[in-house]
Amino acid sequence: MPLDKVRVQELRAQAHHLTPAVRLGADGVTQGIILSLESRFKRAELVKLQCGKATPVPAEQAADDLSKATKSDIVQVIGRTFTLFRPKGGVAAAAVVAVEVPTAAPAKAKPTTKAADKPAPKKAASKSATAAKPAAKPAAKASTKSKKA
């Protein structure tokens, strides 16, 4: 459902303060980007995206492809940055549900180090005694005015 002008203005105002949550790289629009965007739509209705300099498609095309894939609306496209909107309770794209995610190999555990193995942190050099004292206040000037009675 297309957005009306008033709603688009409100969404543009809200999107102004957002930072891009999803960034497209040299691979362009991929299933991973679509899954990441779906994840963001679970948390927020409005998502800002940014195309990297190496992205093979223009931002307008990427916005169009992603809006169709996620069944969302394009709020605005400015340069390489664009904003998509899907109301809460919006229907998830059927193509995303059928995506198979490859499993990654388990990460290797990092070796732990004991506190005794680490060198002690160096302490900052202490200031000299003269530098530690606050500067003396200048003495108050004696009044030079004479009192007339």
C-alpha atoms as a PDB file:
ATOM      1  CA  MET A   1       0.000   0.000   0.000  1.00  0.00           C
ATOM      2  CA  PRO A   2       1.577   3.314  -1.029  1.00  0.00           C
ATOM      3  CA  LEU A   3       2.087   5.943   1.643  1.00  0.00           C
ATOM      4  CA  ASP A   4       0.315   9.302   1.483  1.00  0.00           C
ATOM      5  CA  LYS A   5       2.315  12.561   1.398  1.00  0.00           C
ATOM      6  CA  VAL A   6       1.688  13.480   5.033  1.00  0.00           C
ATOM      7  CA  ARG A   7       2.811  10.061   6.279  1.00  0.00           C
ATOM      8  CA  VAL A   8       5.932  10.202   4.080  1.00  0.00           C
ATOM      9  CA  GLN A   9       6.839  13.606   5.547  1.00  0.00           C
ATOM     10  CA  GLU A  10       6.459  12.245   9.084  1.00  0.00           C
ATOM     11  CA  LEU A  11       8.593   9.213   8.283  1.00  0.00           C
ATOM     12  CA  ARG A  12      11.272  11.334   6.604  1.00  0.00           C
ATOM     13  CA  ALA A  13      11.457  13.485   9.738  1.00  0.00           C
ATOM     14  CA  GLN A  14      11.870  10.376  11.903  1.00  0.00           C
ATOM     15  CA  ALA A  15      14.440   8.843   9.532  1.00  0.00           C
ATOM     16  CA  HIS A  16      16.595  11.972   9.579  1.00  0.00           C
ATOM     17  CA  HIS A  17      17.933  11.061  13.015  1.00  0.00           C
ATOM     18  CA  LEU A  18      18.572   7.385  12.247  1.00  0.00           C
ATOM     19  CA  THR A  19      21.943   5.944  11.336  1.00  0.00           C
ATOM     20  CA  PRO A  20      22.097   3.321   8.586  1.00  0.00           C
ATOM     21  CA  ALA A  21      21.345  -0.040  10.197  1.00  0.00           C
ATOM     22  CA  VAL A  22      22.091  -2.164   7.137  1.00  0.00           C
ATOM     23  CA  ARG A  23      24.910  -1.559   4.667  1.00  0.00           C
ATOM     24  CA  LEU A  24      25.098  -3.051   1.199  1.00  0.00           C
ATOM     25  CA  GLY A  25      28.540  -4.109   0.062  1.00  0.00           C
ATOM     26  CA  ALA A  26      30.187  -5.191  -3.182  1.00  0.00           C
ATOM     27  CA  ASP A  27      27.757  -8.108  -3.529  1.00  0.00           C
ATOM     28  CA  GLY A  28      24.731  -5.792  -3.698  1.00  0.00           C
ATOM     29  CA  VAL A  29      21.329  -7.155  -2.716  1.00  0.00           C
ATOM     30  CA  THR A  30      21.787 -10.683  -1.362  1.00  0.00           C
ATOM     31  CA  GLN A  31      19.721 -13.091   0.720  1.00  0.00           C
ATOM     32  CA  GLY A  32      21.878 -12.140   3.705  1.00  0.00           C
ATOM     33  CA  ILE A  33      20.934  -8.479   3.299  1.00  0.00           C
ATOM     34  CA  ILE A  34      17.261  -9.429   3.034  1.00  0.00           C
ATOM     35  CA  LEU A  35      17.484 -11.549   6.200  1.00  0.00           C
ATOM     36  CA  SER A  36      19.255  -8.726   8.027  1.00  0.00           C
ATOM     37  CA  LEU A  37      16.562  -6.305   6.915  1.00  0.00           C
ATOM     38  CA  GLU A  38      13.809  -8.683   8.032  1.00  0.00           C
ATOM     39  CA  SER A  39      15.496  -8.890  11.419  1.00  0.00           C
ATOM     40  CA  ARG A  40      15.517  -5.086  11.657  1.00  0.00           C
ATOM     41  CA  PHE A  41      11.834  -4.892  10.690  1.00  0.00           C
ATOM     42  CA  LYS A  42      11.021  -7.130  13.667  1.00  0.00           C
ATOM     43  CA  ARG A  43      12.410  -4.394  15.946  1.00  0.00           C
ATOM     44  CA  ALA A  44      11.460  -1.227  14.089  1.00  0.00           C
ATOM     45  CA  GLU A  45       9.076  -0.066  11.387  1.00  0.00           C
ATOM     46  CA  LEU A  46      11.564   2.343   9.834  1.00  0.00           C
ATOM     47  CA  VAL A  47      15.002   1.189   8.645  1.00  0.00           C
ATOM     48  CA  LYS A  48      17.728   3.267   7.036  1.00  0.00           C
ATOM     49  CA  LEU A  49      20.136   1.535   4.647  1.00  0.00           C
ATOM     50  CA  GLN A  50      23.279   2.635   2.868  1.00  0.00           C
ATOM     51  CA  CYS A  51      24.940   1.414  -0.322  1.00  0.00           C
ATOM     52  CA  GLY A  52      28.710   1.235  -0.219  1.00  0.00           C
ATOM     53  CA  LYS A  53      30.834   2.767  -2.954  1.00  0.00           C
ATOM     54  CA  ALA A  54      31.484  -0.705  -4.396  1.00  0.00           C
ATOM     55  CA  THR A  55      27.798  -1.681  -4.574  1.00  0.00           C
ATOM     56  CA  PRO A  56      27.106  -2.734  -8.187  1.00  0.00           C
ATOM     57  CA  VAL A  57      23.553  -1.345  -8.335  1.00  0.00           C
ATOM     58  CA  PRO A  58      22.393   2.241  -7.767  1.00  0.00           C
ATOM     59  CA  ALA A  59      20.612   3.040  -4.507  1.00  0.00           C
ATOM     60  CA  GLU A  60      17.271   3.528  -6.293  1.00  0.00           C
ATOM     61  CA  GLN A  61      17.458   0.013  -7.758  1.00  0.00           C
ATOM     62  CA  ALA A  62      18.571  -1.518  -4.444  1.00  0.00           C
ATOM     63  CA  ALA A  63      15.714   0.247  -2.637  1.00  0.00           C
ATOM     64  CA  ASP A  64      13.222  -1.039  -5.194  1.00  0.00           C
ATOM     65  CA  ASP A  65      14.562  -4.622  -5.011  1.00  0.00           C
ATOM     66  CA  LEU A  66      14.583  -4.670  -1.204  1.00  0.00           C
ATOM     67  CA  SER A  67      11.139  -3.100  -0.888  1.00  0.00           C
ATOM     68  CA  LYS A  68       9.693  -5.806  -3.153  1.00  0.00           C
ATOM     69  CA  ALA A  69      11.562  -8.593  -1.337  1.00  0.00           C
ATOM     70  CA  THR A  70      10.438  -7.428   2.131  1.00  0.00           C
ATOM     71  CA  LYS A  71       7.035  -6.035   1.114  1.00  0.00           C
ATOM     72  CA  SER A  72       7.921  -2.609   2.488  1.00  0.00           C
ATOM     73  CA  ASP A  73       7.534   0.945   1.186  1.00  0.00           C
ATOM     74  CA  ILE A  74      10.315   3.269   0.058  1.00  0.00           C
ATOM     75  CA  VAL A  75      10.231   6.458   2.125  1.00  0.00           C
ATOM     76  CA  GLN A  76      13.130   8.286   0.475  1.00  0.00           C
ATOM     77  CA  VAL A  77      16.331   7.826  -1.495  1.00  0.00           C
ATOM     78  CA  ILE A  78      19.087  10.410  -1.039  1.00  0.00           C
ATOM     79  CA  GLY A  79      22.420   9.704  -2.699  1.00  0.00           C
ATOM     80  CA  ARG A  80      23.546   6.247  -1.563  1.00  0.00           C
ATOM     81  CA  THR A  81      21.235   6.201   1.478  1.00  0.00           C
ATOM     82  CA  PHE A  82      17.612   5.113   1.474  1.00  0.00           C
ATOM     83  CA  THR A  83      14.878   4.433   4.012  1.00  0.00           C
ATOM     84  CA  LEU A  84      12.276   1.672   4.002  1.00  0.00           C
ATOM     85  CA  PHE A  85       9.071   1.435   6.050  1.00  0.00           C
ATOM     86  CA  ARG A  86       6.958  -1.576   6.960  1.00  0.00           C
ATOM     87  CA  PRO A  87       4.273  -1.229   9.642  1.00  0.00           C
ATOM     88  CA  LYS A  88       4.385  -3.530  12.637  1.00  0.00           C
ATOM     89  CA  GLY A  89       2.489  -6.696  11.911  1.00  0.00           C
ATOM     90  CA  GLY A  90       3.435  -6.399   8.237  1.00  0.00           C
ATOM     91  CA  VAL A  91       3.598  -9.624   6.272  1.00  0.00           C
ATOM     92  CA  ALA A  92       7.068 -11.134   5.925  1.00  0.00           C
ATOM     93  CA  ALA A  93       8.144 -11.844   2.380  1.00  0.00           C
ATOM     94  CA  ALA A  94       7.533 -15.424   1.233  1.00  0.00           C
ATOM     95  CA  ALA A  95      10.947 -15.538  -0.450  1.00  0.00           C
ATOM     96  CA  VAL A  96      12.681 -14.880   2.846  1.00  0.00           C
ATOM     97  CA  VAL A  97      10.942 -17.745   4.623  1.00  0.00           C
ATOM     98  CA  ALA A  98      12.214 -20.244   2.032  1.00  0.00           C
ATOM     99  CA  VAL A  99      15.848 -19.102   2.283  1.00  0.00           C
ATOM    100  CA  GLU A 100      18.351 -21.658   3.512  1.00  0.00           C
ATOM    101  CA  VAL A 101      21.062 -20.207   5.714  1.00  0.00           C
ATOM    102  CA  PRO A 102      24.418 -22.016   5.467  1.00  0.00           C
ATOM    103  CA  THR A 103      25.814 -23.099   8.798  1.00  0.00           C
ATOM    104  CA  ALA A 104      29.185 -21.707   9.747  1.00  0.00           C
ATOM    105  CA  ALA A 105      31.983 -23.749  11.272  1.00  0.00           C
ATOM    106  CA  PRO A 106      32.236 -23.348  15.050  1.00  0.00           C
ATOM    107  CA  ALA A 107      34.626 -20.641  16.133  1.00  0.00           C
ATOM    108  CA  LYS A 108      37.876 -21.652  17.783  1.00  0.00           C
ATOM    109  CA  ALA A 109      38.132 -20.920  21.479  1.00  0.00           C
ATOM    110  CA  LYS A 110      40.637 -18.241  22.409  1.00  0.00           C
ATOM    111  CA  PRO A 111      43.330 -19.251  24.911  1.00  0.00           C
ATOM    112  CA  THR A 112      42.834 -17.683  28.282  1.00  0.00           C
ATOM    113  CA  THR A 113      45.609 -15.853  30.071  1.00  0.00           C
ATOM    114  CA  LYS A 114      46.091 -15.631  33.794  1.00  0.00           C
ATOM    115  CA  ALA A 115      46.432 -12.323  35.567  1.00  0.00           C
ATOM    116  CA  ALA A 116      49.938 -13.346  36.694  1.00  0.00           C
ATOM    117  CA  ASP A 117      51.018 -13.730  33.048  1.00  0.00           C
ATOM    118  CA  LYS A 118      50.134 -10.150  32.201  1.00  0.00           C
ATOM    119  CA  PRO A 119      52.605  -7.340  32.946  1.00  0.00           C
ATOM    120  CA  ALA A 120      51.612  -4.850  35.613  1.00  0.00           C
ATOM    121  CA  PRO A 121      50.274  -1.541  34.254  1.00  0.00           C
ATOM    122  CA  LYS A 122      52.649   1.406  34.453  1.00  0.00           C
ATOM    123  CA  LYS A 123      51.755   4.198  36.833  1.00  0.00           C
ATOM    124  CA  ALA A 124      51.724   7.791  35.658  1.00  0.00           C
ATOM    125  CA  ALA A 125      54.682   9.894  36.746  1.00  0.00           C
ATOM    126  CA  SER A 126      53.878  11.968  39.825  1.00  0.00           C
ATOM    127  CA  LYS A 127      53.816  15.719  39.481  1.00  0.00           C
ATOM    128  CA  SER A 128      56.455  17.828  41.165  1.00  0.00           C
ATOM    129  CA  ALA A 129      55.598  19.416  44.490  1.00  0.00           C
ATOM    130  CA  THR A 130      55.462  22.935  43.030  1.00  0.00           C
ATOM    131  CA  ALA A 131      53.097  21.941  40.254  1.00  0.00           C
ATOM    132  CA  ALA A 132      50.720  20.249  42.684  1.00  0.00           C
ATOM    133  CA  LYS A 133      50.194  23.405  44.774  1.00  0.00           C
ATOM    134  CA  PRO A 134      47.453  25.763  43.649  1.00  0.00           C
ATOM    135  CA  ALA A 135      48.543  29.225  42.592  1.00  0.00           C
ATOM    136  CA  ALA A 136      48.447  31.830  45.362  1.00  0.00           C
ATOM    137  CA  LYS A 137      45.790  34.488  45.098  1.00  0.00           C
ATOM    138  CA  PRO A 138      47.071  38.050  44.670  1.00  0.00           C
ATOM    139  CA  ALA A 139      46.832  40.203  47.789  1.00  0.00           C
ATOM    140  CA  ALA A 140      43.925  42.622  47.922  1.00  0.00           C
ATOM    141  CA  LYS A 141      44.917  46.175  47.038  1.00  0.00           C
ATOM    142  CA  ALA A 142      44.764  48.705  49.832  1.00  0.00           C
ATOM    143  CA  SER A 143      42.200  51.425  49.337  1.00  0.00           C
ATOM    144  CA  THR A 144      43.791  54.680  48.217  1.00  0.00           C
ATOM    145  CA  LYS A 145      40.684  56.735  48.656  1.00  0.00           C
ATOM    146  CA  SER A 146      40.616  58.945  51.681  1.00  0.00           C
ATOM    147  CA  LYS A 147      37.461  59.326  53.653  1.00  0.00           C
ATOM    148  CA  LYS A 148      36.078  62.822  53.869  1.00  0.00           C
ATOM    149  CA  ALA A 149      34.006  63.651  56.824  1.00  0.00           C
END
